[in-house]
C-alpha cells in the first residue's frame, strides 16, 4: 500500500482509469456486444501494463514538493487522461474521428456533458455506459481533491474563508491536518472516506429510479449523471425517461449534494460542524432558486393571462414544477431539462429566456462539490460585502457585526471573490475571442463559452435561441472548448497557483 501512495498522483489515476475499462467490457459481454467488449478489455490490458511499467520506473521518485506534484497531476489528469479514455471509445464506435472521441472524453471527465453524439443514436449501451462512467469518475475526483488538495492550499472556493494567501498551503483549521499527514496520506484518507459515500448515494438513486420503472442501465447512467453533475444521458434527456414525474422528484432531492458540501463531507475538511440550514451556500441557493422560479413562472402566468389561456390547476402545476426542476438543475450545472419544462411555453405561448439559465449556470453550486461555475460561497461573500457597504452609506460610524468569520468573508473573502469573478470574466472574453477566430458566430460563441467554463454542456441546446449541436462545430472550436472545460473544472486560481514561486521551492 505504501508504494502505491508514493507513486505520482497521475500514475495512480491512470491505473484506476485502466481498471474502470472492465465495467463497459463486462456490460458488453452481457448484452453480447462482443466488439465493444474486446476493445475495452484490450484497453484494460494495454493501459494496465503501461501503468505498471511507468509505476516501476517511478517507484523511487520523490518529488521535492508533493502538493505541487499533485496539483500538476490533477491538471494532467483532466487534459491527458481523456486521451487514454478516448482510445478504446474511438475503436469501439468506429464511425467517428479521434478528435470527437477525445472531445467526448474531456467533456465527460470534466463533468461538462457536452456531447458530439446528439441523442446517442450512434452509440451502443456499453459505449454510453463508458461515457457515464468517465463522468462519474471525474465527479469523484473533484470531491476527493477538493478537500485533500484544494482546501489545504486555499483554492477552489476555500480561499473565501481562509486566513492566509491563496495557494500558500495549510493554514488555520488545516494546520493540524498538515502536521499529522503529508499530502499523499491525506489524499488516501479522504479517498477512503468519500468514495463509499459517493458510491452509496449513486446506488441509492439508481435503485430508486429502477423501482420507479426506469430501465436499470438508463437508471444507472442518470444516477451517475446527477451525482457527478455531468448531465450525461443515453436517451436524449428526462423527457424520454420511463420513471416520469416521480423519477424527476427523486433526482431533484439529490441535487442538494451539489449545493453544499455539508451534505456529504461535514467535518471532513477540518471545519467546525455546521447544520445544513445554517450554511450560507445552501441558503443562497434557496434564495436564487426561489427568485428565478418565481420570475419565470410569473412571466408565463401574465403571458397566459394576456393570451386568455385556460387557468386550470394541472397546467399551472406542470409549468411550476418544470421551471423549479430546470432552474435547480442548471444552478447545480447538471443541465437536466424537466419533461414539463415545455409545459410553461405551451401554457403561455411565450418562450423561456435562456439568459436565466445562463446566469444560473455561471453562478454554479457549492464549494467542494461536483458543480462548476463561480460557486455560491463567492456570490454570498460579494452579497455580504454589498450589504455592509450599504450600511456604511446610511450609517458611516456603524460597526459590522457577525463575528470574526463574518468580517473576514465581508473583507478578504469579498476581495478574492471579486478577483476570481474578474478572472472568470476575462476567461469568458478570451474563449469567446478564440471561438470567433474559428468562425463561430458571436451569440453561439457566448453560449458555448459559458457552457464550457461552467461545465454545463446541455446549456448549448436548452439556453440558445436555436439548439447548438457540438458535432457541427469546426475542429478548432472543439479544441478551444475542450481547453475551456479543463480551465472551468480546475478554476483559474488553481492554474495561477502553479506560477506561485513559493510552490516551486523545496
Protein backbone atom coordinates (compact mmCIF):
# COMPACT_ATOMS: atom_id res chain seq x y z
CA UNK A 1 0.00 0.00 0.00
CA UNK A 2 2.82 2.40 0.84
CA UNK A 3 4.44 2.06 -2.57
CA UNK A 4 1.14 2.99 -4.21
CA UNK A 5 0.87 6.09 -2.02
CA UNK A 6 4.36 7.16 -3.05
CA UNK A 7 3.61 6.90 -6.76
CA UNK A 8 2.93 10.12 -8.67
CA UNK A 9 -0.71 11.14 -8.50
CA UNK A 10 -1.17 10.93 -12.26
CA UNK A 11 0.14 7.34 -12.41
CA UNK A 12 -2.38 6.25 -9.76
CA UNK A 13 -5.22 7.89 -11.70
CA UNK A 14 -4.01 6.22 -14.87
CA UNK A 15 -4.18 2.80 -13.20
CA UNK A 16 -7.67 3.44 -11.86
CA UNK A 17 -8.81 4.55 -15.31
CA UNK A 18 -7.49 1.33 -16.81
CA UNK A 19 -9.37 -0.76 -14.22
CA UNK A 20 -12.57 1.18 -14.96
CA UNK A 21 -12.50 -0.15 -18.53
CA UNK A 22 -13.55 -3.53 -17.18
CA UNK A 23 -17.08 -2.26 -16.45
CA UNK A 24 -18.10 -1.49 -20.06
CA UNK A 25 -16.31 -4.68 -21.15
CA UNK A 26 -18.38 -6.73 -18.71
CA UNK A 27 -21.59 -4.96 -19.69
CA UNK A 28 -20.85 -5.50 -23.37
CA UNK A 29 -20.31 -9.20 -22.70
CA UNK A 30 -23.71 -9.44 -21.00
CA UNK A 31 -25.56 -7.68 -23.85
CA UNK A 32 -23.50 -9.63 -26.43
CA UNK A 33 -21.78 -6.56 -27.89
CA UNK A 34 -18.56 -8.52 -28.41
CA UNK A 35 -16.76 -5.85 -30.46
CA UNK A 36 -17.05 -3.31 -27.65
CA UNK A 37 -16.18 -6.00 -25.11
CA UNK A 38 -12.93 -6.89 -26.86
CA UNK A 39 -11.89 -3.28 -27.40
CA UNK A 40 -12.34 -2.24 -23.77
CA UNK A 41 -10.81 -5.45 -22.43
CA UNK A 42 -7.76 -4.99 -24.65
CA UNK A 43 -7.67 -1.36 -23.50
CA UNK A 44 -7.61 -2.55 -19.90
CA UNK A 45 -4.67 -4.87 -20.62
CA UNK A 46 -2.75 -2.27 -22.61
CA UNK A 47 -3.06 0.57 -20.14
CA UNK A 48 -2.62 -1.67 -17.12
CA UNK A 49 0.73 -2.85 -18.47
CA UNK A 50 1.67 0.71 -19.38
CA UNK A 51 0.74 1.93 -15.88
CA UNK A 52 2.75 -0.90 -14.32
CA UNK A 53 5.82 -0.04 -16.37
CA UNK A 54 5.57 3.66 -15.54
CA UNK A 55 4.95 2.83 -11.89
CA UNK A 56 8.03 0.62 -11.70
CA UNK A 57 10.10 3.29 -13.41
CA UNK A 58 8.99 6.00 -10.99
CA UNK A 59 8.78 3.85 -7.84
CA UNK A 60 11.76 5.60 -6.30
CA UNK A 61 10.75 9.09 -7.40
CA UNK A 62 10.36 11.56 -4.55
CA UNK A 63 9.06 14.98 -5.62
CA UNK A 64 10.52 17.99 -3.86
CA UNK A 65 7.02 19.37 -3.28
CA UNK A 66 4.23 16.78 -3.07
CA UNK A 67 1.45 19.40 -3.10
CA UNK A 68 2.85 20.88 -6.29
CA UNK A 69 3.17 17.40 -7.79
CA UNK A 70 -0.47 16.65 -7.00
CA UNK A 71 -1.66 19.95 -8.47
CA UNK A 72 0.28 19.29 -11.67
CA UNK A 73 -1.03 15.72 -11.68
CA UNK A 74 -4.59 17.00 -11.41
CA UNK A 75 -4.04 19.33 -14.36
CA UNK A 76 -2.56 16.43 -16.34
CA UNK A 77 -5.47 14.21 -15.34
CA UNK A 78 -8.10 16.44 -16.92
CA UNK A 79 -6.01 17.21 -20.00
CA UNK A 80 -4.08 13.97 -20.71
CA UNK A 81 -6.15 11.11 -19.26
CA UNK A 82 -9.01 11.74 -21.76
CA UNK A 83 -6.58 10.63 -24.48
CA UNK A 84 -6.40 7.25 -22.75
CA UNK A 85 -10.17 7.12 -22.25
CA UNK A 86 -10.77 8.08 -25.89
CA UNK A 87 -8.69 5.31 -27.48
CA UNK A 88 -10.99 2.32 -26.71
CA UNK A 89 -14.05 4.52 -27.21
CA UNK A 90 -12.80 5.55 -30.65
CA UNK A 91 -12.08 1.96 -31.66
CA UNK A 92 -15.43 0.73 -30.34
CA UNK A 93 -17.56 3.40 -32.05
CA UNK A 94 -15.73 3.02 -35.35
CA UNK A 95 -17.51 5.67 -37.44
CA UNK A 96 -16.10 8.68 -35.61
CA UNK A 97 -12.91 10.72 -35.54
CA UNK A 98 -10.39 10.52 -32.73
CA UNK A 99 -10.86 14.26 -32.13
CA UNK A 100 -14.56 13.75 -31.48
CA UNK A 101 -13.82 10.80 -29.19
CA UNK A 102 -11.25 12.88 -27.28
CA UNK A 103 -13.65 15.83 -27.03
CA UNK A 104 -16.34 13.49 -25.67
CA UNK A 105 -14.00 12.14 -23.01
CA UNK A 106 -12.79 15.61 -21.97
CA UNK A 107 -16.41 16.69 -21.70
CA UNK A 108 -17.30 13.62 -19.66
CA UNK A 109 -14.29 13.65 -17.32
CA UNK A 110 -14.71 17.37 -16.54
CA UNK A 111 -18.42 16.61 -15.84
CA UNK A 112 -19.48 19.04 -18.58
CA UNK A 113 -21.69 16.67 -20.55
CA UNK A 114 -21.28 18.36 -23.93
CA UNK A 115 -21.80 15.56 -26.44
CA UNK A 116 -20.98 15.38 -30.12
CA UNK A 117 -23.43 12.48 -30.39
CA UNK A 118 -26.86 14.16 -30.04
CA UNK A 119 -29.44 11.70 -28.82
CA UNK A 120 -26.80 8.98 -28.67
CA UNK A 121 -28.27 7.12 -31.62
CA UNK A 122 -24.84 6.14 -32.96
CA UNK A 123 -23.64 4.56 -29.70
CA UNK A 124 -24.35 1.20 -28.12
CA UNK A 125 -25.47 0.91 -24.47
CA UNK A 126 -21.98 -0.19 -23.38
CA UNK A 127 -20.43 2.85 -25.05
CA UNK A 128 -22.96 5.10 -23.33
CA UNK A 129 -22.07 3.40 -20.07
CA UNK A 130 -18.41 4.31 -20.61
CA UNK A 131 -19.33 7.98 -21.09
CA UNK A 132 -21.33 7.90 -17.86
CA UNK A 133 -18.55 6.05 -16.03
CA UNK A 134 -15.92 8.57 -17.07
CA UNK A 135 -18.16 11.42 -15.93
CA UNK A 136 -18.83 9.67 -12.63
CA UNK A 137 -15.10 9.14 -12.02
CA UNK A 138 -14.47 12.80 -12.82
CA UNK A 139 -17.03 13.82 -10.21
CA UNK A 140 -15.44 11.54 -7.62
CA UNK A 141 -12.03 13.03 -8.40
CA UNK A 142 -13.43 16.52 -7.84
CA UNK A 143 -14.93 15.50 -4.48
CA UNK A 144 -11.67 14.00 -3.23
CA UNK A 145 -9.21 16.59 -4.50
CA UNK A 146 -11.35 19.49 -3.29
CA UNK A 147 -10.80 18.60 0.38
CA UNK A 148 -7.40 16.92 0.06
CA UNK A 149 -5.58 19.27 -2.35
CA UNK A 150 -7.53 22.49 -2.89
CA UNK A 151 -8.66 23.11 0.69
CA UNK A 152 -5.18 23.00 2.30
CA UNK A 153 -3.89 25.30 -0.45
CA UNK A 154 -6.79 27.76 -0.04
CA UNK A 155 -8.10 27.16 -3.55
CA UNK A 156 -11.37 26.11 -5.15
CA UNK A 157 -13.53 28.49 -3.08
CA UNK A 158 -11.93 27.74 0.29
CA UNK A 159 -9.91 30.93 -0.06
CA UNK A 160 -13.04 32.95 0.78
CA UNK A 161 -12.81 31.90 4.43
CA UNK A 162 -9.06 31.36 4.61
CA UNK A 163 -6.77 33.46 6.79
CA UNK A 164 -3.71 33.07 4.54
CA UNK A 165 -2.99 34.00 0.95
CA UNK A 166 -4.27 31.91 -1.92
CA UNK A 167 -2.09 28.91 -2.72
CA UNK A 168 0.10 29.30 0.38
CA UNK A 169 -0.63 25.88 1.89
CA UNK A 170 -2.30 24.64 5.03
CA UNK A 171 -3.32 27.31 7.48
CA UNK A 172 -5.92 27.74 10.18
CA UNK A 173 -8.03 24.65 10.61
CA UNK A 174 -5.81 22.74 8.21
CA UNK A 175 -2.58 23.26 10.15
CA UNK A 176 -3.29 20.28 12.36
CA UNK A 177 -4.16 18.14 9.35
CA UNK A 178 -0.93 19.05 7.61
CA UNK A 179 1.05 18.30 10.75
CA UNK A 180 -0.11 14.71 11.06
CA UNK A 181 -0.19 13.67 7.40
CA UNK A 182 1.65 14.56 4.24
CA UNK A 183 -0.43 15.38 1.13
CA UNK A 184 -0.28 11.79 -0.17
CA UNK A 185 -1.57 10.30 3.08
CA UNK A 186 -4.26 12.96 3.28
CA UNK A 187 -5.33 12.10 -0.26
CA UNK A 188 -5.63 8.41 0.62
CA UNK A 189 -7.55 9.18 3.80
CA UNK A 190 -10.14 11.32 2.04
CA UNK A 191 -10.42 8.79 -0.79
CA UNK A 192 -11.30 6.05 1.69
CA UNK A 193 -13.76 8.36 3.47
CA UNK A 194 -15.59 9.85 0.47
CA UNK A 195 -15.65 7.03 -2.09
CA UNK A 196 -18.16 4.86 -0.13
CA UNK A 197 -20.40 7.90 0.34
CA UNK A 198 -20.26 8.81 -3.35
CA UNK A 199 -20.85 5.23 -4.48
CA UNK A 200 -23.58 4.67 -1.89
CA UNK A 201 -25.53 7.76 -2.93
CA UNK A 202 -25.25 6.73 -6.58
CA UNK A 203 -26.54 3.27 -5.73
CA UNK A 204 -29.46 4.71 -3.76
CA UNK A 205 -30.55 6.91 -6.65
CA UNK A 206 -30.05 4.04 -9.12
CA UNK A 207 -32.21 1.64 -7.11
CA UNK A 208 -34.84 4.33 -6.57
CA UNK A 209 -35.13 5.05 -10.30
CA UNK A 210 -35.35 1.33 -11.08
CA UNK A 211 -38.17 0.94 -8.55
CA UNK A 212 -40.00 3.81 -10.25
CA UNK A 213 -39.93 1.93 -13.55
CA UNK A 214 -36.73 3.03 -15.25
CA UNK A 215 -34.58 0.54 -17.14
CA UNK A 216 -31.59 -0.45 -14.96
CA UNK A 217 -28.96 0.66 -17.47
CA UNK A 218 -30.59 4.06 -18.05
CA UNK A 219 -31.24 4.48 -14.32
CA UNK A 220 -27.55 3.87 -13.60
CA UNK A 221 -26.49 6.39 -16.24
CA UNK A 222 -28.83 9.05 -14.85
CA UNK A 223 -27.77 8.33 -11.26
CA UNK A 224 -24.12 8.80 -12.24
CA UNK A 225 -25.02 11.97 -14.15
CA UNK A 226 -26.81 13.52 -11.16
CA UNK A 227 -24.13 12.76 -8.55
CA UNK A 228 -21.35 13.96 -10.87
CA UNK A 229 -23.49 16.83 -12.30
CA UNK A 230 -22.38 15.76 -15.78
CA UNK A 231 -25.89 15.60 -17.22
CA UNK A 232 -24.91 12.64 -19.42
CA UNK A 233 -27.93 10.71 -20.64
CA UNK A 234 -28.14 7.85 -23.16
CA UNK A 235 -31.72 8.66 -24.20
CA UNK A 236 -31.55 12.36 -25.00
CA UNK A 237 -33.00 13.69 -21.74
CA UNK A 238 -35.51 13.08 -18.98
CA UNK A 239 -38.37 13.68 -21.38
CA UNK A 240 -37.89 10.10 -22.59
CA UNK A 241 -37.39 8.58 -19.13
CA UNK A 242 -39.85 5.90 -18.03
CA UNK A 243 -39.73 6.99 -14.37
CA UNK A 244 -41.77 10.12 -15.16
CA UNK A 245 -42.61 12.75 -12.57
CA UNK A 246 -41.65 10.61 -9.58
CA UNK A 247 -38.25 10.00 -11.13
CA UNK A 248 -37.73 13.73 -11.52
CA UNK A 249 -38.82 14.26 -7.92
CA UNK A 250 -36.24 11.75 -6.71
CA UNK A 251 -33.50 13.32 -8.85
CA UNK A 252 -34.49 16.76 -7.54
CA UNK A 253 -33.86 15.58 -3.98
CA UNK A 254 -30.32 14.51 -4.91
CA UNK A 255 -29.49 17.95 -6.36
CA UNK A 256 -28.84 19.04 -2.77
CA UNK A 257 -25.45 17.29 -2.86
CA UNK A 258 -24.28 19.80 -5.46
CA UNK A 259 -25.46 22.81 -3.44
CA UNK A 260 -23.47 22.33 -0.24
CA UNK A 261 -20.52 20.16 0.78
CA UNK A 262 -22.06 19.85 4.26
CA UNK A 263 -24.47 17.28 2.83
CA UNK A 264 -21.69 14.71 2.46
CA UNK A 265 -18.40 15.94 3.97
CA UNK A 266 -19.35 17.80 7.14
CA UNK A 267 -16.37 17.78 9.47
CA UNK A 268 -14.07 16.09 6.94
CA UNK A 269 -12.46 19.28 5.70
CA UNK A 270 -11.24 20.42 9.10
CA UNK A 271 -14.09 22.88 9.58
CA UNK A 272 -16.38 23.06 12.56
CA UNK A 273 -19.57 21.05 12.27
CA UNK A 274 -22.42 23.19 10.99
CA UNK A 275 -26.04 22.42 10.30
CA UNK A 276 -27.15 22.50 6.69
CA UNK A 277 -29.80 25.18 7.18
CA UNK A 278 -27.13 27.46 8.67
CA UNK A 279 -24.82 27.02 5.69
CA UNK A 280 -24.62 30.29 3.71
CA UNK A 281 -24.22 28.40 0.44
CA UNK A 282 -27.40 26.41 0.97
CA UNK A 283 -29.38 29.50 1.97
CA UNK A 284 -28.03 31.41 -1.03
CA UNK A 285 -29.07 28.55 -3.31
CA UNK A 286 -32.60 28.53 -1.90
CA UNK A 287 -32.93 32.27 -2.46
CA UNK A 288 -31.65 32.05 -6.04
CA UNK A 289 -33.85 29.07 -6.88
CA UNK A 290 -36.90 30.79 -5.37
CA UNK A 291 -36.32 34.10 -7.17
CA UNK A 292 -35.56 32.54 -10.56
CA UNK A 293 -38.51 30.15 -10.36
CA UNK A 294 -40.89 32.92 -9.30
CA UNK A 295 -39.68 35.28 -12.05
CA UNK A 296 -40.03 32.69 -14.80
CA UNK A 297 -43.37 31.37 -13.56
CA UNK A 298 -44.87 34.85 -13.17
CA UNK A 299 -43.71 35.74 -16.67
CA UNK A 300 -45.61 32.77 -18.07
CA UNK A 301 -48.55 33.49 -15.75
CA UNK A 302 -49.00 37.04 -17.01
CA UNK A 303 -48.37 35.88 -20.59
CA UNK A 304 -51.13 33.32 -20.22
CA UNK A 305 -53.49 35.92 -18.77
CA UNK A 306 -52.89 38.26 -21.70
CA UNK A 307 -53.40 35.41 -24.14
CA UNK A 308 -56.59 34.37 -22.36
CA UNK A 309 -55.28 30.86 -21.73
CA UNK A 310 -57.09 28.36 -19.56
CA UNK A 311 -56.06 28.71 -15.91
CA UNK A 312 -56.57 25.10 -14.92
CA UNK A 313 -54.61 23.82 -11.96
CA UNK A 314 -52.82 20.89 -13.71
CA UNK A 315 -51.29 23.18 -16.35
CA UNK A 316 -50.15 25.68 -13.73
CA UNK A 317 -48.60 22.99 -11.52
CA UNK A 318 -46.86 21.38 -14.50
CA UNK A 319 -45.39 24.74 -15.53
CA UNK A 320 -44.31 25.47 -11.95
CA UNK A 321 -42.64 22.08 -11.46
CA UNK A 322 -40.89 22.18 -14.83
CA UNK A 323 -39.48 25.61 -14.01
CA UNK A 324 -38.41 24.66 -10.48
CA UNK A 325 -36.68 21.46 -11.57
CA UNK A 326 -34.87 23.02 -14.54
CA UNK A 327 -33.74 26.07 -12.55
CA UNK A 328 -32.27 23.87 -9.82
CA UNK A 329 -30.69 21.55 -12.38
CA UNK A 330 -28.86 24.37 -14.15
CA UNK A 331 -27.82 26.02 -10.89
CA UNK A 332 -26.10 22.75 -9.96
CA UNK A 333 -24.64 22.71 -13.53
CA UNK A 334 -26.21 19.31 -14.18
CA UNK A 335 -28.21 20.53 -17.15
CA UNK A 336 -31.13 18.11 -16.99
CA UNK A 337 -34.28 19.57 -18.51
CA UNK A 338 -37.60 18.60 -16.94
CA UNK A 339 -40.12 16.87 -19.18
CA UNK A 340 -42.53 19.58 -18.00
CA UNK A 341 -40.19 22.42 -19.00
CA UNK A 342 -42.10 22.93 -22.23
CA UNK A 343 -45.44 22.94 -20.38
CA UNK A 344 -44.94 26.58 -19.39
CA UNK A 345 -44.35 27.56 -23.02
CA UNK A 346 -47.40 25.62 -24.19
CA UNK A 347 -49.48 27.26 -21.49
CA UNK A 348 -48.46 30.89 -22.00
CA UNK A 349 -47.32 30.77 -25.65
CA UNK A 350 -44.13 32.56 -24.52
CA UNK A 351 -40.63 31.21 -24.95
CA UNK A 352 -38.46 30.91 -21.86
CA UNK A 353 -35.46 33.29 -21.97
CA UNK A 354 -32.27 31.25 -21.92
CA UNK A 355 -30.41 34.10 -20.22
CA UNK A 356 -31.89 32.96 -16.89
CA UNK A 357 -30.32 29.53 -17.30
CA UNK A 358 -27.01 31.02 -18.45
CA UNK A 359 -26.89 33.20 -15.34
CA UNK A 360 -27.70 30.29 -13.04
CA UNK A 361 -25.04 28.10 -14.64
CA UNK A 362 -22.49 30.91 -14.24
CA UNK A 363 -23.22 31.07 -10.51
CA UNK A 364 -22.94 27.30 -10.10
CA UNK A 365 -23.18 25.18 -6.98
CA UNK A 366 -21.34 24.78 -3.72
CA UNK A 367 -17.64 24.72 -2.91
CA UNK A 368 -16.04 21.24 -2.93
CA UNK A 369 -19.00 19.77 -4.82
CA UNK A 370 -19.08 18.44 -8.36
CA UNK A 371 -20.88 21.59 -9.57
CA UNK A 372 -19.00 24.16 -11.61
CA UNK A 373 -19.45 27.90 -12.04
CA UNK A 374 -18.31 30.77 -9.85
CA UNK A 375 -19.59 28.98 -6.69
CA UNK A 376 -22.29 30.03 -4.24
CA UNK A 377 -19.87 30.93 -1.44
CA UNK A 378 -18.21 33.60 -3.59
CA UNK A 379 -21.60 35.05 -4.51
CA UNK A 380 -22.52 35.08 -0.81
CA UNK A 381 -19.28 36.91 0.06
CA UNK A 382 -19.95 39.57 -2.57
CA UNK A 383 -23.53 39.98 -1.33
CA UNK A 384 -22.42 40.42 2.28
CA UNK A 385 -19.84 42.98 1.22
CA UNK A 386 -22.51 44.88 -0.74
CA UNK A 387 -24.82 44.72 2.26
CA UNK A 388 -22.11 46.10 4.55
CA UNK A 389 -21.27 48.94 2.12
CA UNK A 390 -24.92 49.98 2.05
CA UNK A 391 -24.95 50.04 5.86
CA UNK A 392 -21.88 52.29 5.86
CA UNK A 393 -23.55 54.67 3.42
CA UNK A 394 -26.54 55.00 5.75
CA UNK A 395 -24.53 54.93 9.00
CA UNK A 396 -20.86 55.79 8.39
CA UNK A 397 -19.94 55.21 12.05
CA UNK A 398 -21.54 51.78 12.29
CA UNK A 399 -19.53 48.69 13.20
CA UNK A 400 -20.13 45.48 11.29
CA UNK A 401 -21.14 42.54 13.46
CA UNK A 402 -21.36 38.84 12.90
CA UNK A 403 -18.07 37.84 14.48
CA UNK A 404 -14.57 37.39 13.12
CA UNK A 405 -15.54 34.86 10.42
CA UNK A 406 -18.28 37.09 9.04
CA UNK A 407 -15.95 40.09 8.94
CA UNK A 408 -13.32 38.04 7.12
CA UNK A 409 -15.86 36.97 4.49
CA UNK A 410 -17.02 40.57 4.01
CA UNK A 411 -13.46 41.88 3.63
CA UNK A 412 -10.78 39.45 2.42
CA UNK A 413 -13.35 36.95 1.18
CA UNK A 414 -15.19 39.53 -0.90
CA UNK A 415 -11.90 40.84 -2.28
CA UNK A 416 -10.66 37.46 -3.51
CA UNK A 417 -14.17 36.61 -4.76
CA UNK A 418 -14.16 39.76 -6.87
CA UNK A 419 -10.69 38.91 -8.19
CA UNK A 420 -11.91 35.45 -9.17
CA UNK A 421 -15.02 36.92 -10.78
CA UNK A 422 -12.85 39.23 -12.89
CA UNK A 423 -10.59 36.33 -13.88
CA UNK A 424 -13.69 34.35 -14.85
CA UNK A 425 -14.91 37.28 -16.96
CA UNK A 426 -11.52 37.57 -18.65
CA UNK A 427 -11.61 33.83 -19.35
CA UNK A 428 -15.03 34.22 -20.97
CA UNK A 429 -13.75 37.04 -23.18
CA UNK A 430 -10.63 35.09 -24.19
CA UNK A 431 -12.53 31.89 -25.05
CA UNK A 432 -15.17 33.84 -26.98
CA UNK A 433 -12.41 35.55 -28.98
CA UNK A 434 -10.77 32.23 -29.81
CA UNK A 435 -14.09 30.71 -30.84
CA UNK A 436 -14.84 33.72 -33.04
CA UNK A 437 -11.49 33.22 -34.78
CA UNK A 438 -12.58 29.67 -35.67
CA UNK A 439 -15.67 31.03 -37.46
CA UNK A 440 -18.29 30.60 -34.71
CA UNK A 441 -20.96 33.34 -34.56
CA UNK A 442 -20.89 35.77 -31.62
CA UNK A 443 -24.08 34.62 -29.86
CA UNK A 444 -23.18 30.98 -30.38
CA UNK A 445 -19.69 31.61 -29.03
CA UNK A 446 -21.12 33.25 -25.90
CA UNK A 447 -23.40 30.33 -25.07
CA UNK A 448 -20.70 27.75 -25.80
CA UNK A 449 -18.16 29.62 -23.69
CA UNK A 450 -20.43 29.79 -20.66
CA UNK A 451 -21.37 26.13 -21.15
CA UNK A 452 -17.70 25.09 -21.19
CA UNK A 453 -16.38 27.28 -18.37
CA UNK A 454 -19.32 26.48 -16.09
CA UNK A 455 -19.15 22.76 -17.05
CA UNK A 456 -22.82 22.81 -18.12
CA UNK A 457 -22.74 21.26 -21.59
CA UNK A 458 -26.54 20.94 -22.12
CA UNK A 459 -26.75 24.73 -21.86
CA UNK A 460 -25.94 24.95 -25.59
CA UNK A 461 -29.07 23.00 -26.50
CA UNK A 462 -31.52 24.45 -23.97
CA UNK A 463 -30.47 28.08 -23.44
CA UNK A 464 -29.68 29.09 -27.03
CA UNK A 465 -32.36 30.61 -29.23
CA UNK A 466 -31.86 27.69 -31.60
CA UNK A 467 -30.20 24.49 -30.34
CA UNK A 468 -26.45 24.35 -30.87
CA UNK A 469 -25.03 20.95 -31.75
CA UNK A 470 -21.41 20.31 -30.84
CA UNK A 471 -21.00 17.92 -33.76
CA UNK A 472 -21.49 20.80 -36.21
CA UNK A 473 -18.63 22.89 -34.77
CA UNK A 474 -15.25 23.19 -36.53
CA UNK A 475 -12.45 21.01 -35.19
CA UNK A 476 -10.55 24.07 -33.97
CA UNK A 477 -13.60 25.21 -31.98
CA UNK A 478 -13.86 21.78 -30.33
CA UNK A 479 -10.22 22.03 -29.23
CA UNK A 480 -10.80 25.51 -27.78
CA UNK A 481 -13.89 24.30 -25.91
CA UNK A 482 -12.01 21.28 -24.56
CA UNK A 483 -9.38 23.60 -23.10
CA UNK A 484 -12.12 25.81 -21.66
CA UNK A 485 -13.70 22.77 -19.97
CA UNK A 486 -10.42 21.92 -18.26
CA UNK A 487 -9.99 25.55 -17.21
CA UNK A 488 -13.54 25.68 -15.87
CA UNK A 489 -13.13 22.43 -13.95
CA UNK A 490 -9.81 23.35 -12.31
CA UNK A 491 -10.59 27.08 -11.95
CA UNK A 492 -8.25 29.90 -12.92
CA UNK A 493 -6.87 30.39 -9.41
CA UNK A 494 -5.59 26.81 -9.26
CA UNK A 495 -3.71 27.20 -12.53
CA UNK A 496 -2.35 30.60 -11.46
CA UNK A 497 -1.17 29.00 -8.21
CA UNK A 498 1.22 26.88 -10.28
CA UNK A 499 3.05 30.09 -11.17
CA UNK A 500 3.49 30.99 -7.50
CA UNK A 501 7.27 30.95 -6.78
CA UNK A 502 6.65 29.55 -3.30
CA UNK A 503 5.13 26.34 -4.64
CA UNK A 504 8.30 25.65 -6.62
CA UNK A 505 10.57 25.95 -3.58
CA UNK A 506 11.74 22.84 -1.81
